[in-house]
C-alpha atoms as a PDB file:
ATOM      1  CA  MET A   1      53.411  21.675  13.686  1.00  0.00           C
ATOM      2  CA  THR A   2      54.674  18.633  15.573  1.00  0.00           C
ATOM      3  CA  SER A   3      55.727  18.949  19.202  1.00  0.00           C
ATOM      4  CA  GLN A   4      58.746  17.015  20.380  1.00  0.00           C
ATOM      5  CA  VAL A   5      60.275  16.645  23.829  1.00  0.00           C
ATOM      6  CA  GLY A   6      63.518  15.055  24.906  1.00  0.00           C
ATOM      7  CA  ILE A   7      66.134  14.227  27.463  1.00  0.00           C
ATOM      8  CA  LYS A   8      69.812  14.209  26.529  1.00  0.00           C
ATOM      9  CA  GLY A   9      72.592  12.502  28.446  1.00  0.00           C
ATOM     10  CA  LEU A  10      70.552  10.711  31.116  1.00  0.00           C
ATOM     11  CA  LYS A  11      73.227   8.823  33.072  1.00  0.00           C
ATOM     12  CA  LEU A  12      72.278   5.368  34.300  1.00  0.00           C
ATOM     13  CA  SER A  13      74.205   2.615  36.048  1.00  0.00           C
ATOM     14  CA  CYS A  14      73.468  -1.024  35.217  1.00  0.00           C
ATOM     15  CA  LYS A  15      75.141  -4.314  34.361  1.00  0.00           C
ATOM     16  CA  ILE A  16      75.516  -4.941  30.629  1.00  0.00           C
ATOM     17  CA  GLY A  17      77.382  -7.682  28.873  1.00  0.00           C
ATOM     18  CA  VAL A  18      77.473 -11.075  27.238  1.00  0.00           C
ATOM     19  CA  ASP A  19      81.197 -11.793  27.562  1.00  0.00           C
ATOM     20  CA  THR A  20      82.535 -13.623  30.609  1.00  0.00           C
ATOM     21  CA  GLY A  21      83.204 -11.135  33.369  1.00  0.00           C
ATOM     22  CA  GLU A  22      81.684  -8.215  31.498  1.00  0.00           C
ATOM     23  CA  ASP A  23      78.471  -8.508  33.478  1.00  0.00           C
ATOM     24  CA  LEU A  24      80.234  -8.479  36.874  1.00  0.00           C
ATOM     25  CA  PHE A  25      80.416  -4.694  37.142  1.00  0.00           C
ATOM     26  CA  LYS A  26      77.907  -1.909  36.825  1.00  0.00           C
ATOM     27  CA  ARG A  27      78.557   0.346  33.855  1.00  0.00           C
ATOM     28  CA  VAL A  28      77.529   3.936  33.390  1.00  0.00           C
ATOM     29  CA  ILE A  29      75.599   4.446  30.175  1.00  0.00           C
ATOM     30  CA  SER A  30      74.099   7.545  28.619  1.00  0.00           C
ATOM     31  CA  VAL A  31      70.601   7.668  27.161  1.00  0.00           C
ATOM     32  CA  ASP A  32      69.127  10.272  24.803  1.00  0.00           C
ATOM     33  CA  ILE A  33      65.367  10.366  24.240  1.00  0.00           C
ATOM     34  CA  LYS A  34      63.331  12.247  21.638  1.00  0.00           C
ATOM     35  CA  ALA A  35      59.573  11.802  21.824  1.00  0.00           C
ATOM     36  CA  LYS A  36      56.945  13.164  19.464  1.00  0.00           C
ATOM     37  CA  LEU A  37      53.731  14.212  21.130  1.00  0.00           C
ATOM     38  CA  LYS A  38      50.268  13.315  19.860  1.00  0.00           C
ATOM     39  CA  GLY A  39      49.227  16.956  19.969  1.00  0.00           C
ATOM     40  CA  ASP A  40      50.816  20.379  20.010  1.00  0.00           C
ATOM     41  CA  TYR A  41      51.781  22.238  23.151  1.00  0.00           C
ATOM     42  CA  LYS A  42      49.007  24.708  23.955  1.00  0.00           C
ATOM     43  CA  GLY A  43      50.470  26.656  26.863  1.00  0.00           C
ATOM     44  CA  ASP A  44      49.987  24.327  29.796  1.00  0.00           C
ATOM     45  CA  ILE A  45      51.316  21.073  31.255  1.00  0.00           C
ATOM     46  CA  SER A  46      48.227  19.102  30.240  1.00  0.00           C
ATOM     47  CA  THR A  47      49.352  19.241  26.594  1.00  0.00           C
ATOM     48  CA  THR A  48      52.857  17.896  27.200  1.00  0.00           C
ATOM     49  CA  VAL A  49      54.628  15.308  29.375  1.00  0.00           C
ATOM     50  CA  SER A  50      56.682  15.593  32.541  1.00  0.00           C
ATOM     51  CA  TYR A  51      60.384  15.213  31.756  1.00  0.00           C
ATOM     52  CA  SER A  52      61.126  14.335  35.370  1.00  0.00           C
ATOM     53  CA  GLU A  53      58.420  11.647  35.387  1.00  0.00           C
ATOM     54  CA  ILE A  54      59.895  10.089  32.242  1.00  0.00           C
ATOM     55  CA  ALA A  55      63.405  10.127  33.764  1.00  0.00           C
ATOM     56  CA  LYS A  56      62.087   8.669  37.030  1.00  0.00           C
ATOM     57  CA  LYS A  57      60.328   5.762  35.251  1.00  0.00           C
ATOM     58  CA  ILE A  58      63.428   5.018  33.202  1.00  0.00           C
ATOM     59  CA  LYS A  59      65.668   5.016  36.285  1.00  0.00           C
ATOM     60  CA  GLU A  60      63.265   2.695  38.124  1.00  0.00           C
ATOM     61  CA  ASN A  61      63.440   0.178  35.282  1.00  0.00           C
ATOM     62  CA  VAL A  62      67.117   0.402  34.284  1.00  0.00           C
ATOM     63  CA  GLU A  63      69.237   1.459  37.285  1.00  0.00           C
ATOM     64  CA  GLY A  64      70.810  -1.545  38.974  1.00  0.00           C
ATOM     65  CA  LYS A  65      69.289  -4.040  36.535  1.00  0.00           C
ATOM     66  CA  GLU A  66      71.090  -6.534  34.289  1.00  0.00           C
ATOM     67  CA  PHE A  67      70.978  -6.491  30.481  1.00  0.00           C
ATOM     68  CA  LYS A  68      72.793  -8.587  27.888  1.00  0.00           C
ATOM     69  CA  LEU A  69      73.039  -5.825  25.265  1.00  0.00           C
ATOM     70  CA  ILE A  70      72.579  -2.064  24.962  1.00  0.00           C
ATOM     71  CA  GLU A  71      69.886  -2.977  22.430  1.00  0.00           C
ATOM     72  CA  ASP A  72      67.909  -4.437  25.355  1.00  0.00           C
ATOM     73  CA  VAL A  73      68.285  -1.191  27.316  1.00  0.00           C
ATOM     74  CA  ALA A  74      67.099   0.844  24.310  1.00  0.00           C
ATOM     75  CA  ALA A  75      64.047  -1.389  23.837  1.00  0.00           C
ATOM     76  CA  THR A  76      63.190  -1.100  27.541  1.00  0.00           C
ATOM     77  CA  VAL A  77      63.482   2.700  27.496  1.00  0.00           C
ATOM     78  CA  ALA A  78      61.455   2.983  24.275  1.00  0.00           C
ATOM     79  CA  LYS A  79      58.669   0.887  25.790  1.00  0.00           C
ATOM     80  CA  ILE A  80      58.619   3.039  28.939  1.00  0.00           C
ATOM     81  CA  VAL A  81      58.492   6.365  27.086  1.00  0.00           C
ATOM     82  CA  SER A  82      55.879   5.178  24.590  1.00  0.00           C
ATOM     83  CA  SER A  83      53.643   4.138  27.501  1.00  0.00           C
ATOM     84  CA  PHE A  84      52.992   7.816  28.308  1.00  0.00           C
ATOM     85  CA  ASP A  85      49.561   8.768  26.945  1.00  0.00           C
ATOM     86  CA  LYS A  86      50.659  11.909  25.134  1.00  0.00           C
ATOM     87  CA  VAL A  87      53.623  10.260  23.315  1.00  0.00           C
ATOM     88  CA  SER A  88      53.044   9.104  19.732  1.00  0.00           C
ATOM     89  CA  SER A  89      56.565   7.883  18.935  1.00  0.00           C
ATOM     90  CA  VAL A  90      59.995   7.802  20.531  1.00  0.00           C
ATOM     91  CA  ARG A  91      63.615   7.569  19.430  1.00  0.00           C
ATOM     92  CA  VAL A  92      66.141   6.258  21.954  1.00  0.00           C
ATOM     93  CA  LYS A  93      69.936   6.286  21.739  1.00  0.00           C
ATOM     94  CA  VAL A  94      72.050   4.358  24.246  1.00  0.00           C
ATOM     95  CA  ILE A  95      75.803   4.901  24.590  1.00  0.00           C
ATOM     96  CA  LYS A  96      78.022   2.417  26.448  1.00  0.00           C
ATOM     97  CA  TYR A  97      81.428   3.907  27.178  1.00  0.00           C
ATOM     98  CA  ALA A  98      83.056   0.724  28.534  1.00  0.00           C
ATOM     99  CA  VAL A  99      84.947  -0.701  25.561  1.00  0.00           C
ATOM    100  CA  PRO A 100      87.688  -3.342  25.446  1.00  0.00           C
ATOM    101  CA  ALA A 101      91.130  -2.181  26.574  1.00  0.00           C
ATOM    102  CA  GLY A 102      93.220  -0.998  23.643  1.00  0.00           C
ATOM    103  CA  ALA A 103      90.195  -0.479  21.376  1.00  0.00           C
ATOM    104  CA  ASP A 104      90.560   2.191  18.707  1.00  0.00           C
ATOM    105  CA  TYR A 105      87.053   3.534  19.300  1.00  0.00           C
ATOM    106  CA  ALA A 106      85.477   5.490  22.142  1.00  0.00           C
ATOM    107  CA  TYR A 107      82.108   3.836  22.762  1.00  0.00           C
ATOM    108  CA  PHE A 108      79.283   1.627  21.517  1.00  0.00           C
ATOM    109  CA  VAL A 109      75.993   3.186  20.428  1.00  0.00           C
ATOM    110  CA  TYR A 110      72.585   1.826  19.477  1.00  0.00           C
ATOM    111  CA  SER A 111      69.460   3.718  18.402  1.00  0.00           C
ATOM    112  CA  VAL A 112      65.889   2.547  18.042  1.00  0.00           C
ATOM    113  CA  ARG A 113      62.622   4.219  17.034  1.00  0.00           C
ATOM    114  CA  LYS A 114      59.249   3.030  18.325  1.00  0.00           C
ATOM    115  CA  ALA A 115      56.034   4.320  16.822  1.00  0.00           C
END
């Protein structure tokens, strides 16, 4: 059995963009995290990770910061989550809802997996 933990829909505010003017405003993004644990949950906190601690670390390193691409945000989040001792691998999905006016799509999305 493989134990997995996650956070879905973590809302973060940061500047993202490469186009002129795009990086002038903070954007709200959504982050989903799925992390496989090195061992199985055995009935107590010592065999898992703190969801709130993961969210706190991510917020400290993303909120209010500047990124060129959502790919950069995903890489940053993956590095943070994989730094927790009990995590063996992590999958991160970042959604950026700010799209060009008149676009025929709803959002941009990027996923990455770090072992």
